[in-house]
Amino acid sequence: MIFKWLKAKNFLSIGEEGIHIQFDKLGNIVLVKGQNLDVNDQASNGAGKSTLIECLVYGLFGKLIKGLPHKEAINKKTKKNLEIEICFELDGHEYIVHRCRKPDKLTLSKDGEDITLGG
């Protein structure tokens, strides 16, 4: 599996402005360095580094690594419209997973065709 890009908004520390990371434009090795400006310009705790991994896990599996309930995934300020979209390549096919909470929705597409299962 090769991650191509990740979009997220209203997830944990990520607010309404959201993020969009193009992994396929970054190369094979990526360094994630945090800077928590709420504390000072040298602090990295609480900057959202592990949130990127949480986005991938939650987007794919619908569970948080820490074992917290779904309601804890939604950004505490916005309290709605959690949205994660992940694009990855597997066995020569491109897949896009789109997961939302409040309102709840999950879709999966393969090579641009919706293959979401009901229920």
C-alpha atoms as a PDB file:
ATOM      1  CA  MET A   1       0.000   0.000   0.000  1.00  0.00           C
ATOM      2  CA  ILE A   2       1.330   3.416  -0.983  1.00  0.00           C
ATOM      3  CA  PHE A   3      -0.347   6.485   0.510  1.00  0.00           C
ATOM      4  CA  LYS A   4      -0.802   9.218  -2.075  1.00  0.00           C
ATOM      5  CA  TRP A   5      -2.544  11.928  -0.044  1.00  0.00           C
ATOM      6  CA  LEU A   6      -4.461  12.652   3.136  1.00  0.00           C
ATOM      7  CA  LYS A   7      -7.088  15.301   3.865  1.00  0.00           C
ATOM      8  CA  ALA A   8      -8.564  15.907   7.304  1.00  0.00           C
ATOM      9  CA  LYS A   9     -10.633  18.521   9.092  1.00  0.00           C
ATOM     10  CA  ASN A  10     -12.316  18.793  12.489  1.00  0.00           C
ATOM     11  CA  PHE A  11     -10.351  15.753  13.690  1.00  0.00           C
ATOM     12  CA  LEU A  12      -8.664  15.856  17.114  1.00  0.00           C
ATOM     13  CA  SER A  13      -6.433  18.976  17.061  1.00  0.00           C
ATOM     14  CA  ILE A  14      -7.114  19.695  13.364  1.00  0.00           C
ATOM     15  CA  GLY A  15      -9.764  22.384  13.010  1.00  0.00           C
ATOM     16  CA  GLU A  16     -12.098  23.616  10.298  1.00  0.00           C
ATOM     17  CA  GLU A  17      -9.213  24.887   8.120  1.00  0.00           C
ATOM     18  CA  GLY A  18      -8.065  21.274   7.715  1.00  0.00           C
ATOM     19  CA  ILE A  19      -4.903  19.774   6.300  1.00  0.00           C
ATOM     20  CA  HIS A  20      -3.971  18.285   2.935  1.00  0.00           C
ATOM     21  CA  ILE A  21      -0.725  16.343   2.689  1.00  0.00           C
ATOM     22  CA  GLN A  22       0.490  15.093  -0.703  1.00  0.00           C
ATOM     23  CA  PHE A  23       2.627  12.089   0.293  1.00  0.00           C
ATOM     24  CA  ASP A  24       3.341  11.248  -3.349  1.00  0.00           C
ATOM     25  CA  LYS A  25       5.090  14.618  -3.720  1.00  0.00           C
ATOM     26  CA  LEU A  26       7.321  14.233  -0.635  1.00  0.00           C
ATOM     27  CA  GLY A  27       9.631  11.358  -1.545  1.00  0.00           C
ATOM     28  CA  ASN A  28      10.393   8.132   0.291  1.00  0.00           C
ATOM     29  CA  ILE A  29      11.361   9.510   3.699  1.00  0.00           C
ATOM     30  CA  VAL A  30       9.375  12.200   5.485  1.00  0.00           C
ATOM     31  CA  LEU A  31      10.329  13.965   8.710  1.00  0.00           C
ATOM     32  CA  VAL A  32       7.436  15.370  10.728  1.00  0.00           C
ATOM     33  CA  LYS A  33       8.660  18.104  13.049  1.00  0.00           C
ATOM     34  CA  GLY A  34       6.214  19.746  15.412  1.00  0.00           C
ATOM     35  CA  GLN A  35       6.140  23.285  16.672  1.00  0.00           C
ATOM     36  CA  ASN A  36       3.546  24.119  19.338  1.00  0.00           C
ATOM     37  CA  LEU A  37       3.184  27.884  19.066  1.00  0.00           C
ATOM     38  CA  ASP A  38       0.623  27.913  21.903  1.00  0.00           C
ATOM     39  CA  VAL A  39       3.488  27.164  24.319  1.00  0.00           C
ATOM     40  CA  ASN A  40       6.620  28.631  22.668  1.00  0.00           C
ATOM     41  CA  ASP A  41       8.534  28.304  19.418  1.00  0.00           C
ATOM     42  CA  GLN A  42      10.736  25.500  20.830  1.00  0.00           C
ATOM     43  CA  ALA A  43       7.939  23.221  22.114  1.00  0.00           C
ATOM     44  CA  SER A  44       6.910  20.215  20.039  1.00  0.00           C
ATOM     45  CA  ASN A  45       4.567  18.360  22.432  1.00  0.00           C
ATOM     46  CA  GLY A  46       0.949  18.856  21.425  1.00  0.00           C
ATOM     47  CA  ALA A  47       1.825  20.115  17.953  1.00  0.00           C
ATOM     48  CA  GLY A  48      -0.168  17.366  16.177  1.00  0.00           C
ATOM     49  CA  LYS A  49       2.569  15.011  14.966  1.00  0.00           C
ATOM     50  CA  SER A  50       0.848  11.834  16.161  1.00  0.00           C
ATOM     51  CA  THR A  51      -2.476  13.193  14.882  1.00  0.00           C
ATOM     52  CA  LEU A  52      -1.261  12.438  11.348  1.00  0.00           C
ATOM     53  CA  ILE A  53      -0.958   8.729  12.184  1.00  0.00           C
ATOM     54  CA  GLU A  54      -4.325   8.853  13.987  1.00  0.00           C
ATOM     55  CA  CYS A  55      -5.857  10.306  10.785  1.00  0.00           C
ATOM     56  CA  LEU A  56      -4.633   7.383   8.715  1.00  0.00           C
ATOM     57  CA  VAL A  57      -5.769   4.751  11.221  1.00  0.00           C
ATOM     58  CA  TYR A  58      -9.149   6.383  11.861  1.00  0.00           C
ATOM     59  CA  GLY A  59      -9.777   6.990   8.167  1.00  0.00           C
ATOM     60  CA  LEU A  60      -9.063   3.367   7.265  1.00  0.00           C
ATOM     61  CA  PHE A  61     -10.445   1.501  10.288  1.00  0.00           C
ATOM     62  CA  GLY A  62     -12.795   3.906  12.092  1.00  0.00           C
ATOM     63  CA  LYS A  63     -10.951   3.509  15.396  1.00  0.00           C
ATOM     64  CA  LEU A  64      -8.561   5.660  17.363  1.00  0.00           C
ATOM     65  CA  ILE A  65      -5.188   4.196  18.324  1.00  0.00           C
ATOM     66  CA  LYS A  66      -5.708   5.277  21.923  1.00  0.00           C
ATOM     67  CA  GLY A  67      -8.972   3.283  22.107  1.00  0.00           C
ATOM     68  CA  LEU A  68     -11.095   6.379  22.698  1.00  0.00           C
ATOM     69  CA  PRO A  69     -14.742   6.476  21.534  1.00  0.00           C
ATOM     70  CA  HIS A  70     -15.768   8.090  18.211  1.00  0.00           C
ATOM     71  CA  LYS A  71     -17.053  11.238  19.904  1.00  0.00           C
ATOM     72  CA  GLU A  72     -13.510  11.962  21.140  1.00  0.00           C
ATOM     73  CA  ALA A  73     -12.231  12.072  17.531  1.00  0.00           C
ATOM     74  CA  ILE A  74     -14.312  15.135  16.676  1.00  0.00           C
ATOM     75  CA  ASN A  75     -12.554  18.471  17.225  1.00  0.00           C
ATOM     76  CA  LYS A  76     -13.689  19.895  20.586  1.00  0.00           C
ATOM     77  CA  LYS A  77     -14.189  23.432  19.232  1.00  0.00           C
ATOM     78  CA  THR A  78     -16.238  22.637  16.118  1.00  0.00           C
ATOM     79  CA  LYS A  79     -18.051  19.573  17.575  1.00  0.00           C
ATOM     80  CA  LYS A  80     -19.171  18.404  14.098  1.00  0.00           C
ATOM     81  CA  ASN A  81     -18.182  17.838  10.477  1.00  0.00           C
ATOM     82  CA  LEU A  82     -15.230  15.512  11.077  1.00  0.00           C
ATOM     83  CA  GLU A  83     -13.942  14.501   7.667  1.00  0.00           C
ATOM     84  CA  ILE A  84     -11.011  12.324   6.609  1.00  0.00           C
ATOM     85  CA  GLU A  85     -10.144  11.368   3.059  1.00  0.00           C
ATOM     86  CA  ILE A  86      -7.267   9.035   2.220  1.00  0.00           C
ATOM     87  CA  CYS A  87      -6.019   8.111  -1.220  1.00  0.00           C
ATOM     88  CA  PHE A  88      -3.758   5.105  -1.580  1.00  0.00           C
ATOM     89  CA  GLU A  89      -2.522   2.730  -4.265  1.00  0.00           C
ATOM     90  CA  LEU A  90      -2.712  -1.037  -3.869  1.00  0.00           C
ATOM     91  CA  ASP A  91      -2.027  -3.710  -6.504  1.00  0.00           C
ATOM     92  CA  GLY A  92      -2.087  -1.118  -9.287  1.00  0.00           C
ATOM     93  CA  HIS A  93      -5.455   0.350  -8.268  1.00  0.00           C
ATOM     94  CA  GLU A  94      -6.199   3.715  -6.677  1.00  0.00           C
ATOM     95  CA  TYR A  95      -8.548   3.714  -3.683  1.00  0.00           C
ATOM     96  CA  ILE A  96     -10.134   6.658  -1.879  1.00  0.00           C
ATOM     97  CA  VAL A  97     -11.669   6.248   1.572  1.00  0.00           C
ATOM     98  CA  HIS A  98     -13.916   9.097   2.725  1.00  0.00           C
ATOM     99  CA  ARG A  99     -15.064   8.930   6.379  1.00  0.00           C
ATOM    100  CA  CYS A 100     -17.238  11.531   8.127  1.00  0.00           C
ATOM    101  CA  ARG A 101     -18.748  11.916  11.609  1.00  0.00           C
ATOM    102  CA  LYS A 102     -21.621  14.218  12.550  1.00  0.00           C
ATOM    103  CA  PRO A 103     -23.055  13.548  10.029  1.00  0.00           C
ATOM    104  CA  ASP A 104     -21.851   9.935   9.656  1.00  0.00           C
ATOM    105  CA  LYS A 105     -20.795   8.684   6.230  1.00  0.00           C
ATOM    106  CA  LEU A 106     -18.314   6.190   4.792  1.00  0.00           C
ATOM    107  CA  THR A 107     -17.535   5.719   1.102  1.00  0.00           C
ATOM    108  CA  LEU A 108     -14.906   3.740  -0.775  1.00  0.00           C
ATOM    109  CA  SER A 109     -13.969   4.177  -4.400  1.00  0.00           C
ATOM    110  CA  LYS A 110     -11.664   2.105  -6.576  1.00  0.00           C
ATOM    111  CA  ASP A 111     -10.210   3.736  -9.675  1.00  0.00           C
ATOM    112  CA  GLY A 112     -12.894   6.424  -9.494  1.00  0.00           C
ATOM    113  CA  GLU A 113     -15.833   4.000  -9.191  1.00  0.00           C
ATOM    114  CA  ASP A 114     -17.902   3.896  -5.994  1.00  0.00           C
ATOM    115  CA  ILE A 115     -17.629   0.411  -4.459  1.00  0.00           C
ATOM    116  CA  THR A 116     -19.177   1.291  -1.086  1.00  0.00           C
ATOM    117  CA  LEU A 117     -21.057  -1.604   0.478  1.00  0.00           C
ATOM    118  CA  GLY A 118     -24.423  -0.932   2.110  1.00  0.00           C
ATOM    119  CA  GLY A 119     -25.045  -1.285   5.839  1.00  0.00           C
END
